[in-house]
Each structure stands twice: as C-alpha cells, then as structure tokens.
N, C-alpha and C. Protein backbone atom coordinates (compact mmCIF):
# COMPACT_ATOMS: atom_id res chain seq x y z
N MET A 1 133.40 109.79 108.54
CA MET A 1 133.91 108.73 109.38
C MET A 1 135.43 108.57 109.21
N ARG A 2 135.97 108.91 108.04
CA ARG A 2 137.39 108.71 107.81
C ARG A 2 138.23 109.64 108.67
N GLY A 3 137.71 110.84 108.97
CA GLY A 3 138.49 111.82 109.70
C GLY A 3 138.49 111.60 111.20
N LEU A 4 137.76 110.62 111.72
CA LEU A 4 137.66 110.43 113.16
C LEU A 4 138.88 109.74 113.75
N LEU A 5 139.51 108.88 113.01
CA LEU A 5 140.60 108.09 113.56
C LEU A 5 141.98 108.55 113.12
N THR A 6 142.10 109.77 112.71
CA THR A 6 143.42 110.27 112.30
C THR A 6 144.19 110.74 113.53
N THR A 7 145.50 110.85 113.40
CA THR A 7 146.35 111.29 114.50
C THR A 7 146.01 112.72 114.90
N ARG A 8 145.69 113.51 113.92
CA ARG A 8 145.37 114.92 114.17
C ARG A 8 144.12 115.05 115.06
N SER A 9 143.07 114.29 114.73
CA SER A 9 141.84 114.38 115.52
C SER A 9 142.04 113.79 116.91
N GLN A 10 142.85 112.75 117.05
CA GLN A 10 143.12 112.18 118.36
C GLN A 10 143.90 113.16 119.25
N ASN A 11 144.87 113.85 118.67
CA ASN A 11 145.63 114.85 119.43
C ASN A 11 144.73 116.01 119.85
N ALA A 12 143.81 116.41 118.99
CA ALA A 12 142.89 117.50 119.33
C ALA A 12 141.99 117.07 120.48
N TYR A 13 141.54 115.85 120.47
CA TYR A 13 140.69 115.34 121.55
C TYR A 13 141.47 115.27 122.86
N ARG A 14 142.74 114.82 122.81
CA ARG A 14 143.60 114.77 123.99
C ARG A 14 143.77 116.17 124.60
N GLU A 15 144.01 117.14 123.73
CA GLU A 15 144.20 118.53 124.17
C GLU A 15 142.93 119.07 124.82
N GLN A 16 141.78 118.74 124.26
CA GLN A 16 140.50 119.19 124.81
C GLN A 16 140.27 118.61 126.20
N ILE A 17 140.59 117.36 126.40
CA ILE A 17 140.44 116.73 127.71
C ILE A 17 141.37 117.39 128.72
N LYS A 18 142.60 117.68 128.31
CA LYS A 18 143.57 118.32 129.20
C LYS A 18 143.10 119.71 129.62
N LYS A 19 142.55 120.50 128.67
CA LYS A 19 142.03 121.84 128.98
C LYS A 19 140.89 121.76 129.98
N GLU A 20 139.98 120.81 129.78
CA GLU A 20 138.85 120.67 130.70
C GLU A 20 139.32 120.31 132.10
N THR A 21 140.31 119.44 132.20
CA THR A 21 140.84 119.06 133.51
C THR A 21 141.48 120.26 134.20
N LEU A 22 142.27 121.03 133.46
CA LEU A 22 142.92 122.21 134.05
C LEU A 22 141.88 123.25 134.47
N THR A 23 140.84 123.41 133.69
CA THR A 23 139.78 124.37 134.03
C THR A 23 139.08 123.94 135.31
N ARG A 24 138.83 122.63 135.46
CA ARG A 24 138.19 122.13 136.68
C ARG A 24 139.08 122.38 137.90
N LEU A 25 140.36 122.11 137.77
CA LEU A 25 141.28 122.32 138.89
C LEU A 25 141.38 123.80 139.26
N ALA A 26 141.42 124.69 138.25
CA ALA A 26 141.48 126.13 138.52
C ALA A 26 140.22 126.58 139.24
N TRP A 27 139.08 126.10 138.83
CA TRP A 27 137.82 126.48 139.49
C TRP A 27 137.82 125.97 140.92
N LYS A 28 138.30 124.75 141.13
CA LYS A 28 138.34 124.14 142.46
C LYS A 28 139.25 124.97 143.39
N ASN A 29 140.40 125.41 142.86
CA ASN A 29 141.31 126.22 143.68
C ASN A 29 140.67 127.56 144.06
N ARG A 30 139.95 128.15 143.13
CA ARG A 30 139.39 129.48 143.37
C ARG A 30 138.15 129.44 144.26
N TYR A 31 137.25 128.47 144.05
CA TYR A 31 135.95 128.48 144.72
C TYR A 31 135.75 127.34 145.72
N ALA A 32 136.79 126.68 146.13
CA ALA A 32 136.65 125.53 147.04
C ALA A 32 136.08 125.96 148.39
N GLU A 33 136.45 127.14 148.86
CA GLU A 33 135.96 127.59 150.16
C GLU A 33 134.48 127.98 150.10
N LEU A 34 134.05 128.57 148.97
CA LEU A 34 132.65 129.01 148.85
C LEU A 34 131.70 127.83 148.59
N TYR A 35 132.17 126.89 147.84
CA TYR A 35 131.34 125.74 147.48
C TYR A 35 132.04 124.44 147.85
N PRO A 36 131.98 124.06 149.12
CA PRO A 36 132.67 122.82 149.51
C PRO A 36 131.93 121.61 148.94
N SER A 37 132.69 120.62 148.57
CA SER A 37 132.07 119.38 148.06
C SER A 37 131.88 118.42 149.22
N CYS A 38 131.00 117.49 149.09
CA CYS A 38 130.67 116.55 150.16
C CYS A 38 131.39 115.23 149.97
N CYS A 39 132.36 115.18 149.12
CA CYS A 39 133.01 113.92 148.79
C CYS A 39 133.80 113.33 149.95
N GLY A 40 134.09 114.04 150.95
CA GLY A 40 134.88 113.51 152.05
C GLY A 40 135.48 114.64 152.85
N GLU A 41 135.47 115.83 152.30
CA GLU A 41 136.03 116.97 153.01
C GLU A 41 135.13 117.39 154.16
N CYS A 42 133.85 117.46 153.93
CA CYS A 42 132.93 117.81 155.01
C CYS A 42 132.15 116.58 155.41
N LYS A 43 131.98 116.40 156.68
CA LYS A 43 131.27 115.23 157.17
C LYS A 43 129.93 115.66 157.73
N PRO A 44 128.93 114.82 157.59
CA PRO A 44 127.64 115.19 158.15
C PRO A 44 127.72 115.24 159.67
N PRO A 45 126.91 116.09 160.31
CA PRO A 45 126.95 116.19 161.77
C PRO A 45 126.51 114.87 162.40
N PRO A 46 127.10 114.53 163.53
CA PRO A 46 126.72 113.27 164.16
C PRO A 46 125.28 113.32 164.64
N GLU A 47 124.60 112.22 164.46
CA GLU A 47 123.19 112.17 164.84
C GLU A 47 123.07 111.53 166.22
N ALA A 48 122.04 111.94 166.92
CA ALA A 48 121.78 111.35 168.23
C ALA A 48 121.29 109.92 168.01
N PRO A 49 121.67 109.02 168.89
CA PRO A 49 121.21 107.64 168.71
C PRO A 49 119.70 107.57 168.87
N ARG A 50 119.10 106.84 167.99
CA ARG A 50 117.64 106.72 168.00
C ARG A 50 117.24 105.44 168.71
N GLU A 51 116.10 105.53 169.32
CA GLU A 51 115.55 104.33 169.93
C GLU A 51 114.83 103.53 168.84
N PRO A 52 115.01 102.24 168.84
CA PRO A 52 114.33 101.46 167.81
C PRO A 52 112.82 101.49 168.01
N ARG A 53 112.14 101.72 166.94
CA ARG A 53 110.68 101.75 166.98
C ARG A 53 110.14 100.35 166.78
N VAL A 54 109.16 100.03 167.51
CA VAL A 54 108.52 98.73 167.35
C VAL A 54 107.13 99.00 166.78
N ALA A 55 106.93 98.53 165.60
CA ALA A 55 105.64 98.75 164.96
C ALA A 55 104.70 97.60 165.33
N THR A 56 103.57 97.98 165.81
CA THR A 56 102.57 96.97 166.13
C THR A 56 101.43 97.10 165.15
N LEU A 57 101.26 96.09 164.40
CA LEU A 57 100.21 96.09 163.38
C LEU A 57 99.16 95.06 163.77
N PRO A 58 97.91 95.33 163.38
CA PRO A 58 96.88 94.34 163.68
C PRO A 58 97.11 93.08 162.84
N PRO A 59 96.69 91.96 163.32
CA PRO A 59 96.88 90.72 162.54
C PRO A 59 96.05 90.76 161.26
N ILE A 60 96.58 90.15 160.24
CA ILE A 60 95.90 90.12 158.94
C ILE A 60 94.90 88.97 158.94
N VAL A 61 93.67 89.33 158.62
CA VAL A 61 92.61 88.32 158.54
C VAL A 61 92.23 88.19 157.07
N ARG A 62 92.49 87.03 156.52
CA ARG A 62 92.17 86.81 155.10
C ARG A 62 90.91 85.97 155.00
N PRO A 63 90.03 86.35 154.08
CA PRO A 63 88.82 85.54 153.89
C PRO A 63 89.21 84.22 153.24
N PRO A 64 88.45 83.19 153.51
CA PRO A 64 88.77 81.90 152.89
C PRO A 64 88.60 81.99 151.37
N GLU A 65 89.51 81.37 150.67
CA GLU A 65 89.47 81.40 149.20
C GLU A 65 88.39 80.46 148.70
N VAL A 66 87.62 80.97 147.76
CA VAL A 66 86.57 80.16 147.16
C VAL A 66 87.13 79.61 145.86
N GLN A 67 87.19 78.30 145.77
CA GLN A 67 87.70 77.68 144.57
C GLN A 67 86.53 77.26 143.69
N PRO A 68 86.55 77.73 142.44
CA PRO A 68 85.45 77.35 141.54
C PRO A 68 85.55 75.87 141.19
N ASP A 69 84.41 75.34 140.80
CA ASP A 69 84.37 73.94 140.39
C ASP A 69 85.01 73.81 139.02
N LEU A 70 86.19 73.28 138.99
CA LEU A 70 86.92 73.11 137.74
C LEU A 70 86.95 71.64 137.37
N PRO A 71 86.98 71.36 136.07
CA PRO A 71 87.12 69.96 135.68
C PRO A 71 88.51 69.48 136.09
N PRO A 72 88.70 68.18 136.23
CA PRO A 72 90.01 67.67 136.63
C PRO A 72 91.07 68.09 135.62
N ALA A 73 92.24 68.34 136.12
CA ALA A 73 93.33 68.78 135.26
C ALA A 73 93.69 67.69 134.27
N ALA A 74 93.91 68.11 133.03
CA ALA A 74 94.26 67.16 131.98
C ALA A 74 95.76 66.90 132.03
N SER A 75 96.15 65.79 131.49
CA SER A 75 97.57 65.47 131.46
C SER A 75 98.28 66.44 130.50
N PRO A 76 99.58 66.63 130.68
CA PRO A 76 100.31 67.57 129.80
C PRO A 76 100.23 67.21 128.34
N GLN A 77 100.12 65.93 128.00
CA GLN A 77 100.04 65.54 126.60
C GLN A 77 98.71 66.00 125.99
N GLU A 78 97.64 65.97 126.78
CA GLU A 78 96.34 66.38 126.27
C GLU A 78 96.28 67.90 126.11
N GLU A 79 96.97 68.64 126.98
CA GLU A 79 96.96 70.09 126.90
C GLU A 79 97.69 70.58 125.66
N LEU A 80 98.71 69.86 125.24
CA LEU A 80 99.52 70.29 124.11
C LEU A 80 98.95 69.87 122.77
N ARG A 81 97.88 69.13 122.78
CA ARG A 81 97.30 68.67 121.53
C ARG A 81 96.65 69.85 120.80
N VAL A 82 97.02 70.05 119.56
CA VAL A 82 96.51 71.14 118.74
C VAL A 82 95.64 70.55 117.65
N PRO A 83 94.49 71.17 117.38
CA PRO A 83 93.66 70.61 116.31
C PRO A 83 94.39 70.73 114.97
N PRO A 84 94.17 69.78 114.09
CA PRO A 84 94.87 69.81 112.80
C PRO A 84 94.40 70.99 111.95
N LEU A 85 95.33 71.54 111.19
CA LEU A 85 94.99 72.66 110.32
C LEU A 85 94.32 72.18 109.04
N MET A 86 94.80 71.08 108.49
CA MET A 86 94.24 70.56 107.25
C MET A 86 93.31 69.40 107.58
N ARG A 87 92.35 69.19 106.70
CA ARG A 87 91.48 68.03 106.84
C ARG A 87 92.27 66.78 106.48
N PRO A 88 91.88 65.65 107.04
CA PRO A 88 92.61 64.43 106.69
C PRO A 88 92.40 64.05 105.22
N VAL A 89 93.36 63.36 104.69
CA VAL A 89 93.33 62.96 103.28
C VAL A 89 92.41 61.76 103.12
N SER A 90 91.72 61.69 101.98
CA SER A 90 90.83 60.55 101.72
C SER A 90 91.67 59.28 101.55
N PRO A 91 91.09 58.13 101.86
CA PRO A 91 91.86 56.87 101.76
C PRO A 91 92.40 56.60 100.37
N THR A 92 91.65 56.94 99.32
CA THR A 92 92.15 56.67 97.96
C THR A 92 93.37 57.54 97.65
N THR A 93 93.33 58.79 98.09
CA THR A 93 94.47 59.68 97.86
C THR A 93 95.66 59.21 98.69
N ARG A 94 95.39 58.72 99.89
CA ARG A 94 96.47 58.24 100.75
C ARG A 94 97.14 57.00 100.14
N ARG A 95 96.34 56.15 99.49
CA ARG A 95 96.91 54.96 98.86
C ARG A 95 97.85 55.34 97.72
N THR A 96 97.52 56.39 97.00
CA THR A 96 98.39 56.81 95.88
C THR A 96 99.75 57.28 96.38
N LEU A 97 99.80 57.72 97.63
CA LEU A 97 101.06 58.20 98.19
C LEU A 97 102.08 57.08 98.27
N PHE A 98 101.63 55.86 98.51
CA PHE A 98 102.54 54.75 98.71
C PHE A 98 102.71 53.87 97.48
N GLN A 99 102.30 54.35 96.31
CA GLN A 99 102.49 53.59 95.07
C GLN A 99 103.84 53.94 94.47
N ASP A 100 104.57 52.97 94.03
CA ASP A 100 105.82 53.11 93.29
C ASP A 100 106.65 54.33 93.72
N SER A 101 107.45 54.83 92.80
CA SER A 101 108.30 55.98 93.13
C SER A 101 107.80 57.22 92.41
N SER A 102 108.27 58.36 92.86
CA SER A 102 107.83 59.63 92.28
C SER A 102 108.40 59.85 90.90
N GLY A 103 109.52 59.22 90.59
CA GLY A 103 110.16 59.43 89.29
C GLY A 103 109.30 58.98 88.14
N GLN A 104 108.39 58.05 88.36
CA GLN A 104 107.54 57.55 87.29
C GLN A 104 106.20 58.27 87.25
N GLY A 105 106.05 59.34 88.01
CA GLY A 105 104.80 60.09 88.02
C GLY A 105 103.77 59.48 88.94
N LYS A 106 104.19 58.55 89.76
CA LYS A 106 103.28 57.94 90.72
C LYS A 106 103.77 58.27 92.11
N GLY A 107 103.11 57.72 93.09
CA GLY A 107 103.56 57.94 94.46
C GLY A 107 103.35 59.37 94.92
N ARG A 108 104.41 59.97 95.43
CA ARG A 108 104.31 61.30 96.02
C ARG A 108 103.89 62.37 95.01
N SER A 109 104.44 62.32 93.80
CA SER A 109 104.10 63.34 92.82
C SER A 109 102.63 63.26 92.42
N LEU A 110 102.09 62.05 92.30
CA LEU A 110 100.67 61.89 91.99
C LEU A 110 99.81 62.37 93.16
N TYR A 111 100.24 62.05 94.38
CA TYR A 111 99.53 62.52 95.58
C TYR A 111 99.48 64.05 95.61
N LEU A 112 100.61 64.70 95.39
CA LEU A 112 100.66 66.17 95.41
C LEU A 112 99.83 66.77 94.29
N GLN A 113 99.83 66.11 93.14
CA GLN A 113 99.03 66.61 92.01
C GLN A 113 97.55 66.54 92.35
N ARG A 114 97.10 65.44 92.91
CA ARG A 114 95.68 65.31 93.27
C ARG A 114 95.30 66.29 94.38
N ARG A 115 96.20 66.44 95.34
CA ARG A 115 95.92 67.33 96.46
C ARG A 115 95.86 68.80 96.00
N SER A 116 96.68 69.16 95.01
CA SER A 116 96.67 70.55 94.53
C SER A 116 95.43 70.86 93.69
N GLN A 117 94.77 69.84 93.17
CA GLN A 117 93.56 70.07 92.38
C GLN A 117 92.34 70.35 93.25
N LEU A 118 92.43 70.06 94.54
CA LEU A 118 91.30 70.34 95.44
C LEU A 118 91.28 71.81 95.80
N PRO A 119 90.11 72.41 95.89
CA PRO A 119 90.04 73.80 96.33
C PRO A 119 90.37 73.89 97.82
N PRO A 120 90.77 75.06 98.30
CA PRO A 120 91.14 75.20 99.72
C PRO A 120 90.00 74.85 100.68
N GLU A 121 88.76 75.06 100.26
CA GLU A 121 87.63 74.76 101.15
C GLU A 121 87.55 73.27 101.47
N GLU A 122 88.03 72.43 100.56
CA GLU A 122 87.99 70.99 100.79
C GLU A 122 89.23 70.49 101.53
N LYS A 123 90.30 71.28 101.50
CA LYS A 123 91.52 70.87 102.20
C LYS A 123 91.57 71.39 103.63
N PHE A 124 90.93 72.54 103.90
CA PHE A 124 91.00 73.17 105.21
C PHE A 124 89.60 73.39 105.76
N ASP A 125 89.48 73.37 107.09
CA ASP A 125 88.18 73.62 107.73
C ASP A 125 87.85 75.10 107.80
N PHE A 126 88.86 75.94 107.88
CA PHE A 126 88.66 77.38 108.00
C PHE A 126 89.83 78.07 107.32
N PRO A 127 89.67 79.34 106.92
CA PRO A 127 90.79 80.03 106.27
C PRO A 127 91.91 80.30 107.28
N LEU A 128 93.12 79.90 106.93
CA LEU A 128 94.26 80.09 107.82
C LEU A 128 94.81 81.51 107.75
N LEU A 129 94.72 82.13 106.60
CA LEU A 129 95.25 83.48 106.41
C LEU A 129 94.11 84.44 106.16
N SER A 130 94.31 85.70 106.53
CA SER A 130 93.25 86.69 106.30
C SER A 130 93.06 86.94 104.80
N SER A 131 94.09 86.71 103.99
CA SER A 131 93.94 86.92 102.55
C SER A 131 93.04 85.85 101.92
N TRP A 132 92.86 84.73 102.60
CA TRP A 132 92.00 83.68 102.07
C TRP A 132 90.53 84.06 102.18
N ASP A 133 90.18 85.05 102.97
CA ASP A 133 88.78 85.44 103.14
C ASP A 133 88.17 85.93 101.84
N TYR A 134 88.98 86.45 100.94
CA TYR A 134 88.45 87.05 99.73
C TYR A 134 87.96 86.04 98.71
N GLY A 135 88.33 84.81 98.82
CA GLY A 135 87.84 83.82 97.87
C GLY A 135 87.24 82.62 98.55
N TRP A 136 87.14 82.66 99.87
CA TRP A 136 86.67 81.50 100.62
C TRP A 136 85.21 81.24 100.36
N ARG A 137 84.87 80.03 100.03
CA ARG A 137 83.50 79.58 99.75
C ARG A 137 82.86 80.41 98.64
N LEU A 138 83.64 80.77 97.66
CA LEU A 138 83.12 81.58 96.56
C LEU A 138 82.16 80.77 95.69
N GLY A 139 82.32 79.46 95.68
CA GLY A 139 81.44 78.61 94.88
C GLY A 139 80.00 78.64 95.37
N ASP A 140 79.79 79.00 96.64
CA ASP A 140 78.42 79.06 97.17
C ASP A 140 77.64 80.25 96.61
N TYR A 141 78.35 81.24 96.08
CA TYR A 141 77.68 82.47 95.67
C TYR A 141 77.59 82.64 94.16
N THR A 142 77.96 81.65 93.41
CA THR A 142 77.89 81.80 91.96
C THR A 142 76.44 81.76 91.51
N LEU A 143 76.12 82.64 90.61
CA LEU A 143 74.76 82.72 90.06
C LEU A 143 74.77 82.17 88.63
N ALA A 144 73.62 81.76 88.19
CA ALA A 144 73.51 81.28 86.81
C ALA A 144 73.73 82.47 85.88
N HIS A 145 74.68 82.36 84.99
CA HIS A 145 75.01 83.47 84.09
C HIS A 145 74.15 83.41 82.84
N ARG A 146 73.53 84.53 82.52
CA ARG A 146 72.76 84.60 81.27
C ARG A 146 73.21 85.85 80.52
N PRO A 147 73.08 85.86 79.23
CA PRO A 147 73.47 87.05 78.47
C PRO A 147 72.50 88.20 78.78
N PRO A 148 72.95 89.45 78.71
CA PRO A 148 72.08 90.59 79.02
C PRO A 148 70.94 90.70 78.01
N SER A 149 69.83 91.24 78.46
CA SER A 149 68.66 91.36 77.58
C SER A 149 68.85 92.50 76.57
N CYS A 150 69.61 93.50 76.92
CA CYS A 150 69.86 94.62 76.00
C CYS A 150 71.36 94.79 75.78
N PRO A 151 71.98 93.92 75.01
CA PRO A 151 73.43 94.06 74.81
C PRO A 151 73.74 95.22 73.88
N ARG A 152 75.00 95.58 73.80
CA ARG A 152 75.40 96.67 72.89
C ARG A 152 75.10 96.23 71.45
N SER A 153 74.66 97.16 70.70
CA SER A 153 74.40 96.84 69.30
C SER A 153 74.91 97.99 68.45
N SER A 154 75.04 97.75 67.18
CA SER A 154 75.58 98.78 66.29
C SER A 154 74.48 99.61 65.65
N VAL A 155 73.26 99.59 66.22
CA VAL A 155 72.17 100.36 65.65
C VAL A 155 72.47 101.85 65.74
N VAL A 156 72.93 102.31 66.88
CA VAL A 156 73.23 103.73 67.06
C VAL A 156 74.35 104.15 66.14
N LYS A 157 75.35 103.33 66.02
CA LYS A 157 76.49 103.67 65.18
C LYS A 157 76.07 103.80 63.71
N ASN A 158 75.26 102.89 63.22
CA ASN A 158 74.85 102.91 61.82
C ASN A 158 73.89 104.04 61.51
N THR A 159 73.05 104.44 62.46
CA THR A 159 72.06 105.47 62.16
C THR A 159 72.56 106.87 62.46
N PHE A 160 73.45 107.06 63.39
CA PHE A 160 73.88 108.40 63.79
C PHE A 160 75.05 108.90 62.97
N TYR A 161 76.04 108.07 62.76
CA TYR A 161 77.24 108.49 62.04
C TYR A 161 77.13 108.08 60.58
N SER A 162 77.68 108.90 59.73
CA SER A 162 77.70 108.54 58.30
C SER A 162 79.12 108.12 57.94
N ARG A 163 79.23 107.45 56.82
CA ARG A 163 80.53 106.91 56.44
C ARG A 163 81.46 107.97 55.88
N ASN A 164 80.95 108.98 55.23
CA ASN A 164 81.84 109.96 54.62
C ASN A 164 82.09 111.17 55.52
N GLY A 165 81.57 111.18 56.73
CA GLY A 165 81.83 112.25 57.65
C GLY A 165 80.85 113.40 57.56
N VAL A 166 79.94 113.40 56.57
CA VAL A 166 78.97 114.45 56.43
C VAL A 166 77.62 113.92 56.89
N PHE A 167 76.89 114.75 57.59
CA PHE A 167 75.59 114.30 58.08
C PHE A 167 74.70 113.92 56.91
N SER A 168 74.09 112.76 57.00
CA SER A 168 73.18 112.35 55.93
C SER A 168 71.75 112.70 56.38
N SER A 169 70.98 113.21 55.47
CA SER A 169 69.61 113.56 55.84
C SER A 169 68.62 112.99 54.87
C-alpha cells in the first residue's frame, strides 16, 4: 500500500494512460474507414412513416370478489399488545419491592434476591431461548435415588493381587 501513492507510481500511471490514448487514436486513423463507429458519423437510414396501430382488446370481465367472514378489525392498540414474557410477580414479592431502600438490603435488592431464587419454570411460561430446553422442567423427571445393589468392592483386589508382587497360592 505504501508504494501506491508515490510520485514515481503516479507518473507511471499517467504515462500508461497517455500510451493507451495514443494507441486508440492511431487505430482510429488506420481503421476508421473499415470499421465506422455509430457515434454520430453514420446516421441510420430514414424510416417510412408508420400508421398508428389501434389495438382493440376485449373488455376485461372480473369475477366478483368473495370476502371471507372475518371478525371485526381490532383497534391498533389491541393489535400491538404482546403477551408478557415473564409471569406476574406474587403480591408478597411485589410488596418487598416497595420497602425501604436497597442500601439496607431491603426493597429492590431483596426483591431481586427472592426473584433469583425461583427456578425459570416458575418465572416464565415457556422457554425463551433454545438453550433453556436442556434443563426446562427437569424437576418433573427426577427419580428417587438409591445406592446400587452391587457397588464396587475390594474383594477382587484383596483376593487376586498379593502385597509383595508374587502370586500367592
């Protein structure tokens, strides 16, 4: 990029443009008679005056439009109403929002703390993101956990291997 704006490269570009122009002019002088251009030197032959054509088309017959039975149009305010993404807050949690100030650990900070302790299934009606599908309603599928009936034991280790590295018989 540094070599593009030097005086040397600009002069070379100027010279190249000049050569191309001279080459075009030399070609034009030599072959102008064999290959005339249409830019204004040769004119198209005059055309005979044409009679205006009158197109007669049959009249367009459109079938009557059938309008389906639609409910009455809603007002613009009703059309723009979007269902809420989050479930409404419980009244007790809402009351904590308006208690004292946040600096004392009450009010907004207490509200946010209580709201963050709720799982997403209780805050939202449906998963908003596709990544939420992987844990959504996971509490419905938990099974009662019991220890395995045959857990690992050291019986094999004690009977198969010996302590000094030599097979015991």
